[in-house]
Each structure stands twice: as C-alpha cells, then as structure tokens.
PDB file of all heavy atoms in Angstrom:
ATOM      1  N   PHE A   1     111.577  84.861  64.649  1.00  0.00           N
ATOM      2  CA  PHE A   1     111.327  84.623  66.061  1.00  0.00           C
ATOM      3  C   PHE A   1     111.949  85.678  66.964  1.00  0.00           C
ATOM      4  O   PHE A   1     111.856  85.609  68.162  1.00  0.00           O
ATOM      5  CB  PHE A   1     111.872  83.243  66.455  1.00  0.00           C
ATOM      6  CG  PHE A   1     111.239  82.126  65.700  1.00  0.00           C
ATOM      7  CD1 PHE A   1     111.839  81.623  64.560  1.00  0.00           C
ATOM      8  CD2 PHE A   1     110.042  81.588  66.105  1.00  0.00           C
ATOM      9  CE1 PHE A   1     111.266  80.594  63.844  1.00  0.00           C
ATOM     10  CE2 PHE A   1     109.456  80.547  65.401  1.00  0.00           C
ATOM     11  CZ  PHE A   1     110.069  80.051  64.271  1.00  0.00           C
ATOM     12  N   ARG A   2     112.566  86.714  66.367  1.00  0.00           N
ATOM     13  CA  ARG A   2     113.362  87.644  67.149  1.00  0.00           C
ATOM     14  C   ARG A   2     112.526  88.538  68.056  1.00  0.00           C
ATOM     15  O   ARG A   2     112.861  88.753  69.205  1.00  0.00           O
ATOM     16  CB  ARG A   2     114.196  88.503  66.193  1.00  0.00           C
ATOM     17  CG  ARG A   2     115.128  89.462  66.881  1.00  0.00           C
ATOM     18  CD  ARG A   2     116.062  90.109  65.886  1.00  0.00           C
ATOM     19  NE  ARG A   2     116.738  89.111  65.079  1.00  0.00           N
ATOM     20  CZ  ARG A   2     117.934  89.281  64.565  1.00  0.00           C
ATOM     21  NH1 ARG A   2     118.576  90.393  64.769  1.00  0.00           N
ATOM     22  NH2 ARG A   2     118.495  88.353  63.834  1.00  0.00           N
ATOM     23  N   ALA A   3     111.379  89.025  67.585  1.00  0.00           N
ATOM     24  CA  ALA A   3     110.645  90.046  68.327  1.00  0.00           C
ATOM     25  C   ALA A   3     110.188  89.554  69.700  1.00  0.00           C
ATOM     26  O   ALA A   3     110.216  90.284  70.671  1.00  0.00           O
ATOM     27  CB  ALA A   3     109.439  90.510  67.516  1.00  0.00           C
ATOM     28  N   SER A   4     109.765  88.282  69.805  1.00  0.00           N
ATOM     29  CA  SER A   4     109.241  87.799  71.077  1.00  0.00           C
ATOM     30  C   SER A   4     110.312  87.753  72.155  1.00  0.00           C
ATOM     31  O   SER A   4     110.007  87.764  73.336  1.00  0.00           O
ATOM     32  CB  SER A   4     108.648  86.399  70.885  1.00  0.00           C
ATOM     33  OG  SER A   4     109.655  85.510  70.465  1.00  0.00           O
ATOM     34  N   TYR A   5     111.586  87.682  71.767  1.00  0.00           N
ATOM     35  CA  TYR A   5     112.655  87.677  72.752  1.00  0.00           C
ATOM     36  C   TYR A   5     113.125  89.093  73.084  1.00  0.00           C
ATOM     37  O   TYR A   5     113.428  89.402  74.222  1.00  0.00           O
ATOM     38  CB  TYR A   5     113.848  86.868  72.233  1.00  0.00           C
ATOM     39  CG  TYR A   5     113.579  85.397  72.116  1.00  0.00           C
ATOM     40  CD1 TYR A   5     113.180  84.855  70.900  1.00  0.00           C
ATOM     41  CD2 TYR A   5     113.721  84.563  73.207  1.00  0.00           C
ATOM     42  CE1 TYR A   5     112.942  83.494  70.777  1.00  0.00           C
ATOM     43  CE2 TYR A   5     113.484  83.199  73.088  1.00  0.00           C
ATOM     44  CZ  TYR A   5     113.091  82.671  71.875  1.00  0.00           C
ATOM     45  OH  TYR A   5     112.858  81.340  71.767  1.00  0.00           O
ATOM     46  N   GLU A   6     113.188  89.951  72.090  1.00  0.00           N
ATOM     47  CA  GLU A   6     113.786  91.262  72.302  1.00  0.00           C
ATOM     48  C   GLU A   6     112.944  92.164  73.188  1.00  0.00           C
ATOM     49  O   GLU A   6     113.451  93.068  73.796  1.00  0.00           O
ATOM     50  CB  GLU A   6     114.034  91.936  70.948  1.00  0.00           C
ATOM     51  CG  GLU A   6     115.202  91.309  70.199  1.00  0.00           C
ATOM     52  CD  GLU A   6     115.622  92.131  69.024  1.00  0.00           C
ATOM     53  OE1 GLU A   6     114.800  92.946  68.568  1.00  0.00           O
ATOM     54  OE2 GLU A   6     116.744  91.958  68.544  1.00  0.00           O
ATOM     55  N   ARG A   7     111.641  91.897  73.294  1.00  0.00           N
ATOM     56  CA  ARG A   7     110.811  92.739  74.142  1.00  0.00           C
ATOM     57  C   ARG A   7     111.282  92.687  75.594  1.00  0.00           C
ATOM     58  O   ARG A   7     111.233  93.663  76.313  1.00  0.00           O
ATOM     59  CB  ARG A   7     109.349  92.295  74.041  1.00  0.00           C
ATOM     60  CG  ARG A   7     108.645  92.801  72.805  1.00  0.00           C
ATOM     61  CD  ARG A   7     107.149  92.662  72.977  1.00  0.00           C
ATOM     62  NE  ARG A   7     106.770  91.261  73.083  1.00  0.00           N
ATOM     63  CZ  ARG A   7     106.435  90.503  72.054  1.00  0.00           C
ATOM     64  NH1 ARG A   7     106.442  90.999  70.836  1.00  0.00           N
ATOM     65  NH2 ARG A   7     106.097  89.248  72.215  1.00  0.00           N
ATOM     66  N   ASP A   8     111.734  91.513  76.028  1.00  0.00           N
ATOM     67  CA  ASP A   8     112.171  91.367  77.416  1.00  0.00           C
ATOM     68  C   ASP A   8     113.549  91.957  77.656  1.00  0.00           C
ATOM     69  O   ASP A   8     113.928  92.209  78.793  1.00  0.00           O
ATOM     70  CB  ASP A   8     112.190  89.882  77.796  1.00  0.00           C
ATOM     71  CG  ASP A   8     110.806  89.281  77.746  1.00  0.00           C
ATOM     72  OD1 ASP A   8     109.833  90.032  77.941  1.00  0.00           O
ATOM     73  OD2 ASP A   8     110.714  88.064  77.503  1.00  0.00           O
ATOM     74  N   GLU A   9     114.336  92.144  76.584  1.00  0.00           N
ATOM     75  CA  GLU A   9     115.706  92.586  76.759  1.00  0.00           C
ATOM     76  C   GLU A   9     115.889  94.090  76.566  1.00  0.00           C
ATOM     77  O   GLU A   9     116.949  94.629  76.821  1.00  0.00           O
ATOM     78  CB  GLU A   9     116.606  91.846  75.751  1.00  0.00           C
ATOM     79  CG  GLU A   9     116.643  90.349  75.990  1.00  0.00           C
ATOM     80  CD  GLU A   9     117.485  89.636  74.958  1.00  0.00           C
ATOM     81  OE1 GLU A   9     117.995  90.321  74.063  1.00  0.00           O
ATOM     82  OE2 GLU A   9     117.629  88.422  75.047  1.00  0.00           O
ATOM     83  N   GLN A  10     114.843  94.755  76.119  1.00  0.00           N
ATOM     84  CA  GLN A  10     114.973  96.184  75.879  1.00  0.00           C
ATOM     85  C   GLN A  10     115.072  96.936  77.195  1.00  0.00           C
ATOM     86  O   GLN A  10     114.382  96.639  78.162  1.00  0.00           O
ATOM     87  CB  GLN A  10     113.766  96.690  75.088  1.00  0.00           C
ATOM     88  CG  GLN A  10     113.782  96.235  73.625  1.00  0.00           C
ATOM     89  CD  GLN A  10     112.531  96.679  72.905  1.00  0.00           C
ATOM     90  OE1 GLN A  10     111.571  97.075  73.547  1.00  0.00           O
ATOM     91  NE2 GLN A  10     112.554  96.629  71.600  1.00  0.00           N
ATOM     92  N   ALA A  11     115.933  97.915  77.238  1.00  0.00           N
ATOM     93  CA  ALA A  11     116.060  98.760  78.434  1.00  0.00           C
ATOM     94  C   ALA A  11     114.874  99.699  78.522  1.00  0.00           C
ATOM     95  O   ALA A  11     114.329 100.123  77.516  1.00  0.00           O
ATOM     96  CB  ALA A  11     117.361  99.569  78.357  1.00  0.00           C
ATOM     97  N   PRO A  12     114.433 100.036  79.744  1.00  0.00           N
ATOM     98  CA  PRO A  12     113.307 100.960  79.867  1.00  0.00           C
ATOM     99  C   PRO A  12     113.655 102.320  79.293  1.00  0.00           C
ATOM    100  O   PRO A  12     114.770 102.798  79.414  1.00  0.00           O
ATOM    101  CB  PRO A  12     113.076 101.028  81.386  1.00  0.00           C
ATOM    102  CG  PRO A  12     114.375 100.596  81.991  1.00  0.00           C
ATOM    103  CD  PRO A  12     114.979  99.602  81.043  1.00  0.00           C
ATOM    104  N   GLN A  13     112.685 102.914  78.644  1.00  0.00           N
ATOM    105  CA  GLN A  13     112.882 104.219  78.030  1.00  0.00           C
ATOM    106  C   GLN A  13     112.803 105.315  79.084  1.00  0.00           C
ATOM    107  O   GLN A  13     112.034 105.220  80.044  1.00  0.00           O
ATOM    108  CB  GLN A  13     111.809 104.465  76.954  1.00  0.00           C
ATOM    109  CG  GLN A  13     111.873 103.440  75.825  1.00  0.00           C
ATOM    110  CD  GLN A  13     113.173 103.516  75.073  1.00  0.00           C
ATOM    111  OE1 GLN A  13     113.695 104.612  74.857  1.00  0.00           O
ATOM    112  NE2 GLN A  13     113.718 102.374  74.702  1.00  0.00           N
ATOM    113  N   PRO A  14     113.601 106.379  78.966  1.00  0.00           N
ATOM    114  CA  PRO A  14     113.517 107.469  79.945  1.00  0.00           C
ATOM    115  C   PRO A  14     112.169 108.153  79.868  1.00  0.00           C
ATOM    116  O   PRO A  14     111.538 108.210  78.822  1.00  0.00           O
ATOM    117  CB  PRO A  14     114.651 108.412  79.498  1.00  0.00           C
ATOM    118  CG  PRO A  14     114.899 108.090  78.064  1.00  0.00           C
ATOM    119  CD  PRO A  14     114.605 106.631  77.911  1.00  0.00           C
ATOM    120  N   ASP A  15     111.757 108.659  81.051  1.00  0.00           N
ATOM    121  CA  ASP A  15     110.472 109.350  81.099  1.00  0.00           C
ATOM    122  C   ASP A  15     110.510 110.596  80.233  1.00  0.00           C
ATOM    123  O   ASP A  15     111.514 111.305  80.169  1.00  0.00           O
ATOM    124  CB  ASP A  15     110.135 109.748  82.542  1.00  0.00           C
ATOM    125  CG  ASP A  15     109.937 108.525  83.413  1.00  0.00           C
ATOM    126  OD1 ASP A  15     109.547 107.479  82.866  1.00  0.00           O
ATOM    127  OD2 ASP A  15     110.185 108.618  84.631  1.00  0.00           O
ATOM    128  N   ALA A  16     109.402 110.876  79.588  1.00  0.00           N
ATOM    129  CA  ALA A  16     109.308 112.077  78.766  1.00  0.00           C
ATOM    130  C   ALA A  16     109.281 113.307  79.671  1.00  0.00           C
ATOM    131  O   ALA A  16     108.722 113.264  80.772  1.00  0.00           O
ATOM    132  CB  ALA A  16     108.045 112.018  77.911  1.00  0.00           C
ATOM    133  N   PRO A  17     109.901 114.417  79.259  1.00  0.00           N
ATOM    134  CA  PRO A  17     109.883 115.612  80.104  1.00  0.00           C
ATOM    135  C   PRO A  17     108.470 116.142  80.257  1.00  0.00           C
ATOM    136  O   PRO A  17     107.649 116.039  79.353  1.00  0.00           O
ATOM    137  CB  PRO A  17     110.774 116.596  79.316  1.00  0.00           C
ATOM    138  CG  PRO A  17     110.756 116.092  77.914  1.00  0.00           C
ATOM    139  CD  PRO A  17     110.630 114.613  77.999  1.00  0.00           C
ATOM    140  N   ALA A  18     108.217 116.718  81.435  1.00  0.00           N
ATOM    141  CA  ALA A  18     106.887 117.267  81.689  1.00  0.00           C
ATOM    142  C   ALA A  18     106.646 118.473  80.788  1.00  0.00           C
ATOM    143  O   ALA A  18     107.556 119.239  80.501  1.00  0.00           O
ATOM    144  CB  ALA A  18     106.782 117.683  83.160  1.00  0.00           C
ATOM    145  N   PRO A  19     105.416 118.635  80.294  1.00  0.00           N
ATOM    146  CA  PRO A  19     105.137 119.768  79.413  1.00  0.00           C
ATOM    147  C   PRO A  19     105.290 121.092  80.155  1.00  0.00           C
ATOM    148  O   PRO A  19     105.046 121.190  81.357  1.00  0.00           O
ATOM    149  CB  PRO A  19     103.686 119.528  78.990  1.00  0.00           C
ATOM    150  CG  PRO A  19     103.105 118.656  80.057  1.00  0.00           C
ATOM    151  CD  PRO A  19     104.231 117.809  80.541  1.00  0.00           C
ATOM    152  N   ALA A  20     105.761 122.108  79.451  1.00  0.00           N
ATOM    153  CA  ALA A  20     105.948 123.427  80.068  1.00  0.00           C
ATOM    154  C   ALA A  20     104.605 123.995  80.504  1.00  0.00           C
ATOM    155  O   ALA A  20     103.598 123.830  79.828  1.00  0.00           O
ATOM    156  CB  ALA A  20     106.618 124.367  79.065  1.00  0.00           C
ATOM    157  N   ARG A  21     104.625 124.676  81.655  1.00  0.00           N
ATOM    158  CA  ARG A  21     103.391 125.261  82.186  1.00  0.00           C
ATOM    159  C   ARG A  21     103.036 126.504  81.397  1.00  0.00           C
ATOM    160  O   ARG A  21     103.882 127.330  81.100  1.00  0.00           O
ATOM    161  CB  ARG A  21     103.591 125.594  83.663  1.00  0.00           C
ATOM    162  CG  ARG A  21     102.354 126.169  84.314  1.00  0.00           C
ATOM    163  CD  ARG A  21     102.607 126.435  85.780  1.00  0.00           C
ATOM    164  NE  ARG A  21     101.446 127.040  86.408  1.00  0.00           N
ATOM    165  CZ  ARG A  21     101.380 127.412  87.674  1.00  0.00           C
ATOM    166  NH1 ARG A  21     102.450 127.210  88.445  1.00  0.00           N
ATOM    167  NH2 ARG A  21     100.286 127.956  88.174  1.00  0.00           N
ATOM    168  N   ARG A  22     101.783 126.626  81.055  1.00  0.00           N
ATOM    169  CA  ARG A  22     101.315 127.800  80.307  1.00  0.00           C
ATOM    170  C   ARG A  22     100.399 128.627  81.187  1.00  0.00           C
ATOM    171  O   ARG A  22      99.547 128.101  81.894  1.00  0.00           O
ATOM    172  CB  ARG A  22     100.560 127.361  79.049  1.00  0.00           C
ATOM    173  CG  ARG A  22     101.430 126.587  78.062  1.00  0.00           C
ATOM    174  CD  ARG A  22     100.635 126.174  76.853  1.00  0.00           C
ATOM    175  NE  ARG A  22     100.082 127.336  76.177  1.00  0.00           N
ATOM    176  CZ  ARG A  22      99.257 127.246  75.122  1.00  0.00           C
ATOM    177  NH1 ARG A  22      98.898 126.074  74.675  1.00  0.00           N
ATOM    178  NH2 ARG A  22      98.806 128.348  74.564  1.00  0.00           N
ATOM    179  N   GLU A  23     100.621 129.926  81.114  1.00  0.00           N
ATOM    180  CA  GLU A  23      99.753 130.837  81.873  1.00  0.00           C
ATOM    181  C   GLU A  23      98.397 130.914  81.187  1.00  0.00           C
ATOM    182  O   GLU A  23      98.295 130.923  79.956  1.00  0.00           O
ATOM    183  CB  GLU A  23     100.380 132.238  81.941  1.00  0.00           C
ATOM    184  CG  GLU A  23     101.684 132.280  82.711  1.00  0.00           C
ATOM    185  CD  GLU A  23     101.477 131.943  84.166  1.00  0.00           C
ATOM    186  OE1 GLU A  23     100.375 132.208  84.687  1.00  0.00           O
ATOM    187  OE2 GLU A  23     102.413 131.396  84.772  1.00  0.00           O
ATOM    188  N   PRO A  24      97.324 130.967  81.966  1.00  0.00           N
ATOM    189  CA  PRO A  24      95.990 131.079  81.348  1.00  0.00           C
ATOM    190  C   PRO A  24      95.859 132.391  80.594  1.00  0.00           C
ATOM    191  O   PRO A  24      96.323 133.445  81.041  1.00  0.00           O
ATOM    192  CB  PRO A  24      95.038 130.997  82.543  1.00  0.00           C
ATOM    193  CG  PRO A  24      95.866 131.402  83.726  1.00  0.00           C
ATOM    194  CD  PRO A  24      97.261 130.949  83.443  1.00  0.00           C
ATOM    195  N   GLU A  25      95.232 132.324  79.429  1.00  0.00           N
ATOM    196  CA  GLU A  25      95.019 133.518  78.614  1.00  0.00           C
ATOM    197  C   GLU A  25      93.783 134.248  79.117  1.00  0.00           C
ATOM    198  O   GLU A  25      92.836 133.627  79.607  1.00  0.00           O
ATOM    199  CB  GLU A  25      94.837 133.123  77.159  1.00  0.00           C
ATOM    200  CG  GLU A  25      96.082 132.454  76.576  1.00  0.00           C
ATOM    201  CD  GLU A  25      95.854 132.089  75.130  1.00  0.00           C
ATOM    202  OE1 GLU A  25      94.739 132.356  74.645  1.00  0.00           O
ATOM    203  OE2 GLU A  25      96.772 131.531  74.514  1.00  0.00           O
ATOM    204  N   PRO A  26      93.811 135.584  79.019  1.00  0.00           N
ATOM    205  CA  PRO A  26      92.616 136.333  79.465  1.00  0.00           C
ATOM    206  C   PRO A  26      91.410 135.980  78.614  1.00  0.00           C
ATOM    207  O   PRO A  26      91.532 135.733  77.416  1.00  0.00           O
ATOM    208  CB  PRO A  26      93.033 137.795  79.275  1.00  0.00           C
ATOM    209  CG  PRO A  26      94.142 137.740  78.265  1.00  0.00           C
ATOM    210  CD  PRO A  26      94.862 136.466  78.502  1.00  0.00           C
ATOM    211  N   ALA A  27      90.242 135.917  79.257  1.00  0.00           N
ATOM    212  CA  ALA A  27      89.024 135.565  78.535  1.00  0.00           C
ATOM    213  C   ALA A  27      88.687 136.672  77.547  1.00  0.00           C
ATOM    214  O   ALA A  27      88.785 137.863  77.871  1.00  0.00           O
ATOM    215  CB  ALA A  27      87.871 135.385  79.532  1.00  0.00           C
TER     216      ALA A  27
END
C-alpha cells in the first residue's frame, strides 16, 4: 500500500537545465 501514499509526499523535482543553444550549421 506504500506507493499510493508516497506520491503525495515526494518533493518536487528541480527543473531540468535548458538545452545549450546551437548555432545553425551552414547549408
């Protein structure tokens, strides 16, 4: 019966870092 309770008690996870910006490659 543990899982149904622990979902409410878990702390929110930190946001994932934004992906690094990539310069467009020449065509």
